[in-house]
Protein backbone atom coordinates (compact mmCIF):
# COMPACT_ATOMS: atom_id res chain seq x y z
CA UNK A 1 109.48 31.96 62.58
CA UNK A 2 109.50 28.34 61.17
CA UNK A 3 111.78 25.97 61.80
CA UNK A 4 113.60 26.14 58.16
CA UNK A 5 114.10 29.44 58.19
CA UNK A 6 115.76 29.03 61.47
CA UNK A 7 118.13 26.07 60.78
CA UNK A 8 119.33 28.67 57.87
CA UNK A 9 120.12 31.50 59.93
CA UNK A 10 121.54 29.38 62.70
CA UNK A 11 124.03 27.75 59.80
CA UNK A 12 124.89 31.39 57.72
CA UNK A 13 126.05 32.45 60.63
CA UNK A 14 127.99 29.66 61.28
CA UNK A 15 129.82 29.58 57.93
CA UNK A 16 130.02 33.69 58.80
CA UNK A 17 132.23 33.53 61.44
CA UNK A 18 133.62 30.06 60.42
CA UNK A 19 134.65 31.63 56.76
CA UNK A 20 137.83 34.35 57.88
CA UNK A 21 139.08 31.41 59.56
CA UNK A 22 139.61 28.79 57.17
CA UNK A 23 140.07 31.29 53.85
CA UNK A 24 142.56 33.26 55.93
CA UNK A 25 145.79 32.33 54.19
CA UNK A 26 144.34 31.79 50.61
CA UNK A 27 141.85 35.40 50.28
CA UNK A 28 143.99 38.31 49.86
CA UNK A 29 142.13 41.70 49.77
CA UNK A 30 143.37 45.04 49.33
CA UNK A 31 143.82 47.72 51.47
CA UNK A 32 141.08 49.84 49.91
CA UNK A 33 138.01 46.81 50.43
CA UNK A 34 139.69 46.37 54.13
CA UNK A 35 139.16 49.69 54.27
CA UNK A 36 135.11 49.59 53.81
CA UNK A 37 134.88 46.76 55.64
CA UNK A 38 136.29 48.82 59.34
CA UNK A 39 134.01 51.55 58.06
CA UNK A 40 131.07 49.55 57.48
CA UNK A 41 131.57 48.32 60.56
CA UNK A 42 132.03 51.78 62.51
CA UNK A 43 128.77 53.02 60.79
CA UNK A 44 126.49 50.18 61.71
CA UNK A 45 127.07 50.99 64.90
CA UNK A 46 126.65 54.06 65.25
CA UNK A 47 123.16 53.93 63.96
CA UNK A 48 122.56 51.09 66.20
CA UNK A 49 123.55 53.82 69.07
CA UNK A 50 122.00 56.42 67.12
CA UNK A 51 118.58 54.18 66.62
CA UNK A 52 118.53 53.46 70.60
CA UNK A 53 119.41 56.94 71.41
CA UNK A 54 116.35 58.34 70.06
CA UNK A 55 113.76 55.64 69.77
CA UNK A 56 112.12 53.16 71.52
CA UNK A 57 110.24 51.22 69.09
CA UNK A 58 108.83 53.08 66.44
CA UNK A 59 108.34 56.29 68.60
CA UNK A 60 110.63 58.84 70.04
CA UNK A 61 112.38 57.57 73.03
CA UNK A 62 112.00 61.03 74.75
CA UNK A 63 115.00 63.84 75.90
CA UNK A 64 115.99 61.65 79.27
CA UNK A 65 117.81 58.88 77.39
CA UNK A 66 119.21 61.92 74.39
CA UNK A 67 120.46 63.31 77.49
CA UNK A 68 121.94 60.34 79.44
CA UNK A 69 124.40 59.78 76.19
CA UNK A 70 125.22 63.09 75.87
CA UNK A 71 126.77 62.51 79.45
CA UNK A 72 127.89 59.78 79.06
CA UNK A 73 129.69 61.10 74.90
CA UNK A 74 131.63 63.69 77.57
CA UNK A 75 132.54 61.47 80.16
CA UNK A 76 134.60 59.39 77.64
CA UNK A 77 135.71 62.60 76.00
CA UNK A 78 137.39 63.39 79.07
CA UNK A 79 138.99 59.60 79.95
CA UNK A 80 136.63 58.91 83.34
CA UNK A 81 136.58 54.98 83.45
CA UNK A 82 134.15 53.17 81.91
CA UNK A 83 132.06 52.27 85.59
CA UNK A 84 131.41 55.57 85.93
CA UNK A 85 130.21 56.23 82.54
CA UNK A 86 127.72 54.22 82.62
CA UNK A 87 126.94 55.35 86.77
CA UNK A 88 126.63 59.52 84.72
CA UNK A 89 124.71 58.32 81.87
CA UNK A 90 121.79 56.27 84.51
CA UNK A 91 122.11 58.90 86.93
CA UNK A 92 121.25 61.60 84.06
CA UNK A 93 118.79 59.80 83.08
CA UNK A 94 116.98 58.79 85.92
CA UNK A 95 117.90 62.08 87.34
CA UNK A 96 115.75 63.30 84.47
CA UNK A 97 112.66 61.08 84.38
CA UNK A 98 112.11 61.36 87.69
CA UNK A 99 112.02 65.10 87.80
CA UNK A 100 109.33 64.45 84.02
CA UNK A 101 111.48 65.09 81.47
CA UNK A 102 110.02 61.72 79.55
């Protein structure tokens, strides 16, 4: 990556964080626009979680990782404390890998 690209990306990131603070009182967004932005953020997080769950690079990650994520999802649904959710997910994934499930 060239220095120019790095500087442009850094400046763009800084501006994206600064502009809402500067334009907060001057720019009024419609309720529909705000809703689309919120839904876009949720869709982005879901896509990131799905990609991280199912793929490692361009290859399938194996069945142990999705099983760990599924256990975590059930634990969250059952309102288990977050630390225990992480331990359950990691333990499920590690246990399956120990048993030879890729």
